[in-house]
PDB file of N, CA and C in Angstrom:
ATOM      1  N   MET A   1    -126.678 247.349 -26.002  1.00  0.00           N
ATOM      2  CA  MET A   1    -126.899 246.353 -26.885  1.00  0.00           C
ATOM      3  C   MET A   1    -127.026 245.042 -26.659  1.00  0.00           C
ATOM      4  N   GLN A   2    -126.414 244.610 -25.407  1.00  0.00           N
ATOM      5  CA  GLN A   2    -126.904 243.447 -24.789  1.00  0.00           C
ATOM      6  C   GLN A   2    -128.332 243.135 -24.568  1.00  0.00           C
ATOM      7  N   LEU A   3    -129.174 244.129 -24.206  1.00  0.00           N
ATOM      8  CA  LEU A   3    -130.557 244.017 -23.748  1.00  0.00           C
ATOM      9  C   LEU A   3    -131.347 243.884 -25.246  1.00  0.00           C
ATOM     10  N   LYS A   4    -130.998 244.545 -26.170  1.00  0.00           N
ATOM     11  CA  LYS A   4    -131.717 244.471 -27.518  1.00  0.00           C
ATOM     12  C   LYS A   4    -131.379 242.831 -28.035  1.00  0.00           C
ATOM     13  N   ILE A   5    -130.373 242.572 -27.952  1.00  0.00           N
ATOM     14  CA  ILE A   5    -130.106 241.049 -28.301  1.00  0.00           C
ATOM     15  C   ILE A   5    -130.941 240.274 -27.645  1.00  0.00           C
ATOM     16  N   GLN A   6    -131.030 240.397 -26.339  1.00  0.00           N
ATOM     17  CA  GLN A   6    -131.889 239.413 -25.393  1.00  0.00           C
ATOM     18  C   GLN A   6    -133.152 239.644 -25.645  1.00  0.00           C
ATOM     19  N   CYS A   7    -133.641 240.810 -25.922  1.00  0.00           N
ATOM     20  CA  CYS A   7    -135.001 240.829 -26.450  1.00  0.00           C
ATOM     21  C   CYS A   7    -135.476 240.305 -27.671  1.00  0.00           C
ATOM     22  N   MET A   8    -134.511 240.419 -28.586  1.00  0.00           N
ATOM     23  CA  MET A   8    -134.637 239.504 -29.928  1.00  0.00           C
ATOM     24  C   MET A   8    -134.709 238.043 -29.553  1.00  0.00           C
ATOM     25  N   GLN A   9    -133.779 237.691 -28.537  1.00  0.00           N
ATOM     26  CA  GLN A   9    -133.721 236.118 -28.319  1.00  0.00           C
ATOM     27  C   GLN A   9    -135.158 235.801 -27.768  1.00  0.00           C
ATOM     28  N   ASP A  10    -135.530 236.513 -26.730  1.00  0.00           N
ATOM     29  CA  ASP A  10    -136.768 236.319 -26.213  1.00  0.00           C
ATOM     30  C   ASP A  10    -137.939 236.195 -27.226  1.00  0.00           C
ATOM     31  N   SER A  11    -137.833 236.982 -28.183  1.00  0.00           N
ATOM     32  CA  SER A  11    -139.205 237.306 -29.019  1.00  0.00           C
ATOM     33  C   SER A  11    -138.808 235.859 -29.877  1.00  0.00           C
ATOM     34  N   TYR A  12    -137.629 235.340 -30.331  1.00  0.00           N
ATOM     35  CA  TYR A  12    -137.429 234.107 -30.966  1.00  0.00           C
ATOM     36  C   TYR A  12    -137.950 232.807 -30.219  1.00  0.00           C
ATOM     37  N   GLU A  13    -137.787 233.124 -29.089  1.00  0.00           N
ATOM     38  CA  GLU A  13    -138.196 231.583 -28.212  1.00  0.00           C
ATOM     39  C   GLU A  13    -139.813 231.732 -28.172  1.00  0.00           C
ATOM     40  N   LYS A  14    -140.152 233.046 -28.145  1.00  0.00           N
ATOM     41  CA  LYS A  14    -141.727 233.034 -28.059  1.00  0.00           C
ATOM     42  C   LYS A  14    -142.264 232.354 -29.273  1.00  0.00           C
ATOM     43  N   LEU A  15    -141.985 232.687 -30.506  1.00  0.00           N
ATOM     44  CA  LEU A  15    -142.058 232.241 -31.840  1.00  0.00           C
ATOM     45  C   LEU A  15    -142.176 230.788 -31.857  1.00  0.00           C
ATOM     46  N   LEU A  16    -140.938 230.260 -31.409  1.00  0.00           N
ATOM     47  CA  LEU A  16    -140.603 228.784 -31.583  1.00  0.00           C
ATOM     48  C   LEU A  16    -141.644 228.132 -30.696  1.00  0.00           C
ATOM     49  N   LYS A  17    -142.472 228.792 -29.755  1.00  0.00           N
ATOM     50  CA  LYS A  17    -143.239 228.087 -29.067  1.00  0.00           C
ATOM     51  C   LYS A  17    -144.653 228.171 -29.388  1.00  0.00           C
ATOM     52  N   ILE A  18    -144.957 229.387 -30.310  1.00  0.00           N
ATOM     53  CA  ILE A  18    -146.128 229.592 -30.984  1.00  0.00           C
ATOM     54  C   ILE A  18    -146.392 228.639 -32.255  1.00  0.00           C
ATOM     55  N   LEU A  19    -145.325 228.486 -32.876  1.00  0.00           N
ATOM     56  CA  LEU A  19    -145.406 227.683 -34.476  1.00  0.00           C
ATOM     57  C   LEU A  19    -146.079 226.393 -34.032  1.00  0.00           C
ATOM     58  N   PRO A  20    -145.663 225.724 -33.260  1.00  0.00           N
ATOM     59  CA  PRO A  20    -146.617 224.243 -33.362  1.00  0.00           C
ATOM     60  C   PRO A  20    -147.936 224.391 -32.996  1.00  0.00           C
ATOM     61  N   LEU A  21    -148.463 225.293 -32.255  1.00  0.00           N
ATOM     62  CA  LEU A  21    -149.598 225.515 -32.049  1.00  0.00           C
ATOM     63  C   LEU A  21    -150.432 226.374 -33.089  1.00  0.00           C
ATOM     64  N   LEU A  22    -149.953 226.856 -34.036  1.00  0.00           N
ATOM     65  CA  LEU A  22    -150.844 227.578 -34.954  1.00  0.00           C
ATOM     66  C   LEU A  22    -151.748 226.929 -35.904  1.00  0.00           C
ATOM     67  N   ARG A  23    -151.591 225.721 -36.236  1.00  0.00           N
ATOM     68  CA  ARG A  23    -152.250 224.986 -36.771  1.00  0.00           C
ATOM     69  C   ARG A  23    -153.646 224.573 -35.956  1.00  0.00           C
ATOM     70  N   LYS A  24    -153.547 224.481 -34.618  1.00  0.00           N
ATOM     71  CA  LYS A  24    -154.622 224.082 -33.910  1.00  0.00           C
ATOM     72  C   LYS A  24    -155.226 225.350 -33.426  1.00  0.00           C
ATOM     73  N   ASP A  25    -154.531 226.520 -33.370  1.00  0.00           N
ATOM     74  CA  ASP A  25    -155.125 227.647 -32.795  1.00  0.00           C
ATOM     75  C   ASP A  25    -154.750 228.995 -33.580  1.00  0.00           C
ATOM     76  N   PRO A  26    -155.542 229.100 -34.799  1.00  0.00           N
ATOM     77  CA  PRO A  26    -155.134 230.099 -35.578  1.00  0.00           C
ATOM     78  C   PRO A  26    -155.295 231.605 -34.889  1.00  0.00           C
ATOM     79  N   SER A  27    -155.912 231.823 -33.607  1.00  0.00           N
ATOM     80  CA  SER A  27    -155.924 233.014 -33.204  1.00  0.00           C
ATOM     81  C   SER A  27    -154.600 233.475 -32.656  1.00  0.00           C
ATOM     82  N   LEU A  28    -153.413 232.783 -32.625  1.00  0.00           N
ATOM     83  CA  LEU A  28    -152.208 232.977 -32.411  1.00  0.00           C
ATOM     84  C   LEU A  28    -151.595 233.698 -33.662  1.00  0.00           C
ATOM     85  N   LEU A  29    -152.094 233.436 -34.677  1.00  0.00           N
ATOM     86  CA  LEU A  29    -151.325 234.160 -36.065  1.00  0.00           C
ATOM     87  C   LEU A  29    -150.855 235.687 -35.889  1.00  0.00           C
ATOM     88  N   THR A  30    -151.893 236.468 -35.177  1.00  0.00           N
ATOM     89  CA  THR A  30    -151.566 237.907 -34.985  1.00  0.00           C
ATOM     90  C   THR A  30    -150.349 238.012 -34.204  1.00  0.00           C
ATOM     91  N   GLU A  31    -150.184 237.452 -33.068  1.00  0.00           N
ATOM     92  CA  GLU A  31    -148.895 237.344 -32.237  1.00  0.00           C
ATOM     93  C   GLU A  31    -147.830 236.975 -33.057  1.00  0.00           C
ATOM     94  N   ALA A  32    -147.966 235.786 -33.707  1.00  0.00           N
ATOM     95  CA  ALA A  32    -146.607 235.370 -34.337  1.00  0.00           C
ATOM     96  C   ALA A  32    -146.420 236.297 -35.330  1.00  0.00           C
ATOM     97  N   GLU A  33    -147.132 236.934 -36.303  1.00  0.00           N
ATOM     98  CA  GLU A  33    -147.014 237.885 -37.323  1.00  0.00           C
ATOM     99  C   GLU A  33    -146.106 239.074 -36.747  1.00  0.00           C
ATOM    100  N   GLN A  34    -146.491 239.361 -35.398  1.00  0.00           N
ATOM    101  CA  GLN A  34    -145.734 240.590 -34.721  1.00  0.00           C
ATOM    102  C   GLN A  34    -144.476 240.081 -34.367  1.00  0.00           C
ATOM    103  N   LEU A  35    -144.092 238.988 -33.961  1.00  0.00           N
ATOM    104  CA  LEU A  35    -142.938 238.374 -33.631  1.00  0.00           C
ATOM    105  C   LEU A  35    -141.962 238.239 -34.865  1.00  0.00           C
ATOM    106  N   VAL A  36    -142.712 237.683 -35.815  1.00  0.00           N
ATOM    107  CA  VAL A  36    -142.203 237.560 -37.153  1.00  0.00           C
ATOM    108  C   VAL A  36    -141.537 238.960 -37.699  1.00  0.00           C
ATOM    109  N   GLN A  37    -142.447 239.997 -37.753  1.00  0.00           N
ATOM    110  CA  GLN A  37    -141.985 241.182 -38.130  1.00  0.00           C
ATOM    111  C   GLN A  37    -140.819 241.823 -37.348  1.00  0.00           C
ATOM    112  N   GLN A  38    -140.786 241.630 -36.224  1.00  0.00           N
ATOM    113  CA  GLN A  38    -139.793 242.255 -35.298  1.00  0.00           C
ATOM    114  C   GLN A  38    -138.450 241.439 -35.594  1.00  0.00           C
ATOM    115  N   LEU A  39    -138.488 240.093 -35.644  1.00  0.00           N
ATOM    116  CA  LEU A  39    -137.217 239.410 -35.813  1.00  0.00           C
ATOM    117  C   LEU A  39    -136.705 239.640 -37.275  1.00  0.00           C
ATOM    118  N   ASP A  40    -137.762 239.776 -38.186  1.00  0.00           N
ATOM    119  CA  ASP A  40    -137.306 240.152 -39.752  1.00  0.00           C
ATOM    120  C   ASP A  40    -136.754 241.465 -39.809  1.00  0.00           C
ATOM    121  N   GLU A  41    -137.127 242.414 -39.173  1.00  0.00           N
ATOM    122  CA  GLU A  41    -136.397 243.487 -39.258  1.00  0.00           C
ATOM    123  C   GLU A  41    -135.118 243.706 -38.695  1.00  0.00           C
ATOM    124  N   PHE A  42    -134.791 242.872 -37.688  1.00  0.00           N
ATOM    125  CA  PHE A  42    -133.653 242.956 -36.701  1.00  0.00           C
ATOM    126  C   PHE A  42    -132.617 241.938 -37.866  1.00  0.00           C
ATOM    127  N   TYR A  43    -133.265 240.848 -38.360  1.00  0.00           N
ATOM    128  CA  TYR A  43    -132.259 240.252 -39.262  1.00  0.00           C
ATOM    129  C   TYR A  43    -131.815 240.728 -40.468  1.00  0.00           C
ATOM    130  N   GLN A  44    -132.552 241.571 -41.057  1.00  0.00           N
ATOM    131  CA  GLN A  44    -132.307 242.374 -42.237  1.00  0.00           C
ATOM    132  C   GLN A  44    -131.566 243.774 -42.179  1.00  0.00           C
ATOM    133  N   SER A  45    -131.307 244.034 -41.039  1.00  0.00           N
ATOM    134  CA  SER A  45    -130.632 245.317 -40.488  1.00  0.00           C
ATOM    135  C   SER A  45    -129.073 245.116 -40.674  1.00  0.00           C
ATOM    136  N   SER A  46    -128.532 245.958 -40.891  1.00  0.00           N
ATOM    137  CA  SER A  46    -126.889 246.019 -40.867  1.00  0.00           C
ATOM    138  C   SER A  46    -126.395 245.896 -39.419  1.00  0.00           C
ATOM    139  N   GLU A  47    -127.194 246.400 -38.637  1.00  0.00           N
ATOM    140  CA  GLU A  47    -126.766 246.072 -37.067  1.00  0.00           C
ATOM    141  C   GLU A  47    -126.679 244.500 -37.085  1.00  0.00           C
ATOM    142  N   TRP A  48    -127.686 243.634 -37.491  1.00  0.00           N
ATOM    143  CA  TRP A  48    -127.549 242.193 -36.982  1.00  0.00           C
ATOM    144  C   TRP A  48    -126.104 241.710 -37.575  1.00  0.00           C
ATOM    145  N   LEU A  49    -125.733 242.222 -38.829  1.00  0.00           N
ATOM    146  CA  LEU A  49    -124.510 241.696 -39.351  1.00  0.00           C
ATOM    147  C   LEU A  49    -123.360 242.198 -38.355  1.00  0.00           C
ATOM    148  N   ASP A  50    -123.246 243.364 -38.020  1.00  0.00           N
ATOM    149  CA  ASP A  50    -122.099 243.720 -37.147  1.00  0.00           C
ATOM    150  C   ASP A  50    -122.170 242.832 -35.730  1.00  0.00           C
ATOM    151  N   LEU A  51    -123.606 242.592 -34.969  1.00  0.00           N
ATOM    152  CA  LEU A  51    -123.661 241.918 -34.027  1.00  0.00           C
ATOM    153  C   LEU A  51    -122.995 240.267 -34.096  1.00  0.00           C
ATOM    154  N   TYR A  52    -123.564 239.823 -35.498  1.00  0.00           N
ATOM    155  CA  TYR A  52    -123.158 238.557 -35.765  1.00  0.00           C
ATOM    156  C   TYR A  52    -121.633 238.400 -35.562  1.00  0.00           C
ATOM    157  N   GLU A  53    -120.945 239.314 -36.364  1.00  0.00           N
ATOM    158  CA  GLU A  53    -119.585 239.532 -36.466  1.00  0.00           C
ATOM    159  C   GLU A  53    -118.839 239.567 -35.039  1.00  0.00           C
ATOM    160  N   ARG A  54    -119.586 240.155 -34.083  1.00  0.00           N
ATOM    161  CA  ARG A  54    -119.128 240.395 -32.612  1.00  0.00           C
ATOM    162  C   ARG A  54    -119.800 239.377 -31.767  1.00  0.00           C
ATOM    163  N   SER A  55    -120.438 238.255 -32.155  1.00  0.00           N
ATOM    164  CA  SER A  55    -121.214 237.521 -31.366  1.00  0.00           C
ATOM    165  C   SER A  55    -120.552 236.847 -30.027  1.00  0.00           C
ATOM    166  N   GLU A  56    -119.182 236.820 -30.287  1.00  0.00           N
ATOM    167  CA  GLU A  56    -118.685 236.116 -29.007  1.00  0.00           C
ATOM    168  C   GLU A  56    -118.451 237.194 -27.717  1.00  0.00           C
ATOM    169  N   GLU A  57    -118.849 238.634 -28.138  1.00  0.00           N
ATOM    170  CA  GLU A  57    -118.756 239.606 -26.923  1.00  0.00           C
ATOM    171  C   GLU A  57    -119.978 239.401 -26.154  1.00  0.00           C
ATOM    172  N   PHE A  58    -121.127 238.671 -26.460  1.00  0.00           N
ATOM    173  CA  PHE A  58    -122.260 238.916 -25.876  1.00  0.00           C
ATOM    174  C   PHE A  58    -122.621 237.680 -25.096  1.00  0.00           C
ATOM    175  N   ASN A  59    -123.229 237.814 -23.831  1.00  0.00           N
ATOM    176  CA  ASN A  59    -123.718 236.735 -23.187  1.00  0.00           C
ATOM    177  C   ASN A  59    -125.360 236.630 -23.230  1.00  0.00           C
ATOM    178  N   ILE A  60    -125.737 235.679 -24.156  1.00  0.00           N
ATOM    179  CA  ILE A  60    -127.049 235.713 -24.230  1.00  0.00           C
ATOM    180  C   ILE A  60    -127.894 234.565 -23.681  1.00  0.00           C
ATOM    181  N   ASP A  61    -129.009 234.732 -23.040  1.00  0.00           N
ATOM    182  CA  ASP A  61    -129.689 233.288 -22.359  1.00  0.00           C
ATOM    183  C   ASP A  61    -130.441 232.875 -23.531  1.00  0.00           C
ATOM    184  N   THR A  62    -129.936 231.726 -24.279  1.00  0.00           N
ATOM    185  CA  THR A  62    -130.783 231.350 -25.170  1.00  0.00           C
ATOM    186  C   THR A  62    -131.790 229.991 -24.866  1.00  0.00           C
ATOM    187  N   LYS A  63    -131.682 229.835 -23.481  1.00  0.00           N
ATOM    188  CA  LYS A  63    -132.650 228.636 -22.994  1.00  0.00           C
ATOM    189  C   LYS A  63    -132.539 227.537 -23.867  1.00  0.00           C
ATOM    190  N   GLY A  64    -131.447 227.161 -24.272  1.00  0.00           N
ATOM    191  CA  GLY A  64    -131.570 226.030 -24.942  1.00  0.00           C
ATOM    192  C   GLY A  64    -131.565 225.993 -26.483  1.00  0.00           C
ATOM    193  N   ASN A  65    -131.936 227.141 -26.961  1.00  0.00           N
ATOM    194  CA  ASN A  65    -132.213 227.271 -28.468  1.00  0.00           C
ATOM    195  C   ASN A  65    -131.128 227.970 -29.099  1.00  0.00           C
ATOM    196  N   TYR A  66    -131.125 227.986 -30.432  1.00  0.00           N
ATOM    197  CA  TYR A  66    -130.228 228.487 -30.956  1.00  0.00           C
ATOM    198  C   TYR A  66    -130.132 230.002 -30.880  1.00  0.00           C
ATOM    199  N   SER A  67    -128.969 230.770 -30.846  1.00  0.00           N
ATOM    200  CA  SER A  67    -128.954 232.169 -30.709  1.00  0.00           C
ATOM    201  C   SER A  67    -129.378 232.930 -31.932  1.00  0.00           C
ATOM    202  N   VAL A  68    -129.872 234.025 -31.841  1.00  0.00           N
ATOM    203  CA  VAL A  68    -130.373 234.871 -32.991  1.00  0.00           C
ATOM    204  C   VAL A  68    -129.260 235.623 -33.570  1.00  0.00           C
ATOM    205  N   LEU A  69    -128.078 235.404 -32.932  1.00  0.00           N
ATOM    206  CA  LEU A  69    -127.006 235.900 -33.738  1.00  0.00           C
ATOM    207  C   LEU A  69    -126.329 234.686 -34.531  1.00  0.00           C
ATOM    208  N   SER A  70    -126.761 233.477 -34.578  1.00  0.00           N
ATOM    209  CA  SER A  70    -126.345 232.483 -35.394  1.00  0.00           C
ATOM    210  C   SER A  70    -126.706 232.697 -36.646  1.00  0.00           C
ATOM    211  N   GLU A  71    -125.973 231.979 -37.671  1.00  0.00           N
ATOM    212  CA  GLU A  71    -126.125 232.420 -38.934  1.00  0.00           C
ATOM    213  C   GLU A  71    -127.505 232.258 -39.739  1.00  0.00           C
ATOM    214  N   ASP A  72    -128.166 230.951 -39.336  1.00  0.00           N
ATOM    215  CA  ASP A  72    -129.487 230.788 -39.952  1.00  0.00           C
ATOM    216  C   ASP A  72    -130.491 230.577 -38.920  1.00  0.00           C
ATOM    217  N   ALA A  73    -130.732 230.944 -37.345  1.00  0.00           N
ATOM    218  CA  ALA A  73    -131.488 230.597 -36.646  1.00  0.00           C
ATOM    219  C   ALA A  73    -133.040 231.444 -36.996  1.00  0.00           C
ATOM    220  N   ILE A  74    -132.666 232.833 -37.029  1.00  0.00           N
ATOM    221  CA  ILE A  74    -133.907 233.471 -37.734  1.00  0.00           C
ATOM    222  C   ILE A  74    -134.281 233.259 -38.937  1.00  0.00           C
ATOM    223  N   TRP A  75    -133.596 233.038 -39.995  1.00  0.00           N
ATOM    224  CA  TRP A  75    -134.145 232.511 -41.231  1.00  0.00           C
ATOM    225  C   TRP A  75    -134.824 231.334 -41.352  1.00  0.00           C
ATOM    226  N   ASN A  76    -134.452 230.160 -40.450  1.00  0.00           N
ATOM    227  CA  ASN A  76    -135.213 229.141 -40.354  1.00  0.00           C
ATOM    228  C   ASN A  76    -136.675 229.294 -39.880  1.00  0.00           C
ATOM    229  N   VAL A  77    -136.663 229.974 -38.629  1.00  0.00           N
ATOM    230  CA  VAL A  77    -137.964 230.172 -37.981  1.00  0.00           C
ATOM    231  C   VAL A  77    -138.802 231.058 -38.943  1.00  0.00           C
ATOM    232  N   LEU A  78    -138.212 232.044 -39.718  1.00  0.00           N
ATOM    233  CA  LEU A  78    -139.207 232.652 -40.594  1.00  0.00           C
ATOM    234  C   LEU A  78    -139.779 231.989 -41.557  1.00  0.00           C
ATOM    235  N   SER A  79    -138.863 231.082 -42.139  1.00  0.00           N
ATOM    236  CA  SER A  79    -139.343 230.300 -43.209  1.00  0.00           C
ATOM    237  C   SER A  79    -140.391 229.080 -42.852  1.00  0.00           C
ATOM    238  N   GLU A  80    -140.196 228.688 -41.551  1.00  0.00           N
ATOM    239  CA  GLU A  80    -141.100 227.783 -40.868  1.00  0.00           C
ATOM    240  C   GLU A  80    -142.436 228.580 -40.717  1.00  0.00           C
ATOM    241  N   PHE A  81    -142.465 229.871 -40.349  1.00  0.00           N
ATOM    242  CA  PHE A  81    -143.666 230.599 -40.121  1.00  0.00           C
ATOM    243  C   PHE A  81    -144.265 230.773 -41.484  1.00  0.00           C
ATOM    244  N   ASP A  82    -143.597 230.973 -42.717  1.00  0.00           N
ATOM    245  CA  ASP A  82    -144.173 231.234 -44.050  1.00  0.00           C
ATOM    246  C   ASP A  82    -145.016 229.902 -44.288  1.00  0.00           C
ATOM    247  N   ARG A  83    -144.300 228.886 -44.024  1.00  0.00           N
ATOM    248  CA  ARG A  83    -144.851 227.227 -44.442  1.00  0.00           C
ATOM    249  C   ARG A  83    -145.894 227.062 -43.636  1.00  0.00           C
ATOM    250  N   LEU A  84    -146.026 227.465 -42.562  1.00  0.00           N
ATOM    251  CA  LEU A  84    -147.322 227.233 -41.749  1.00  0.00           C
ATOM    252  C   LEU A  84    -148.236 227.997 -41.973  1.00  0.00           C
ATOM    253  N   LYS A  85    -148.135 229.239 -42.248  1.00  0.00           N
ATOM    254  CA  LYS A  85    -149.056 230.294 -42.611  1.00  0.00           C
ATOM    255  C   LYS A  85    -149.565 229.780 -43.846  1.00  0.00           C
ATOM    256  N   SER A  86    -148.969 229.141 -44.825  1.00  0.00           N
ATOM    257  CA  SER A  86    -149.571 228.802 -46.213  1.00  0.00           C
ATOM    258  C   SER A  86    -150.507 227.644 -45.900  1.00  0.00           C
ATOM    259  N   LEU A  87    -150.562 227.023 -44.804  1.00  0.00           N
ATOM    260  CA  LEU A  87    -151.245 225.766 -44.528  1.00  0.00           C
ATOM    261  C   LEU A  87    -152.471 226.246 -43.751  1.00  0.00           C
ATOM    262  N   LEU A  88    -152.710 227.441 -43.359  1.00  0.00           N
ATOM    263  CA  LEU A  88    -153.761 227.932 -42.446  1.00  0.00           C
ATOM    264  C   LEU A  88    -155.004 228.094 -43.622  1.00  0.00           C
TER     265      LEU A  88
END
């Protein structure tokens, strides 16, 4: 489970890096959409809620970002993606 959470955390970090570049480089849209889909599926799953409730059990390298097991991190990045996509 630790590995899956870290994988989602790494995807979250990649998306955070891509979002500011989208307006200047729309070719990143496909990669961003793939990351969004992956994170959205994870966030909408019942598994995420269970992991959220047990988040203190996991040691996740967030690299200074919010944890994907925090209450709003994924929601916020997905909302920002939708906002930016509407501007393209």
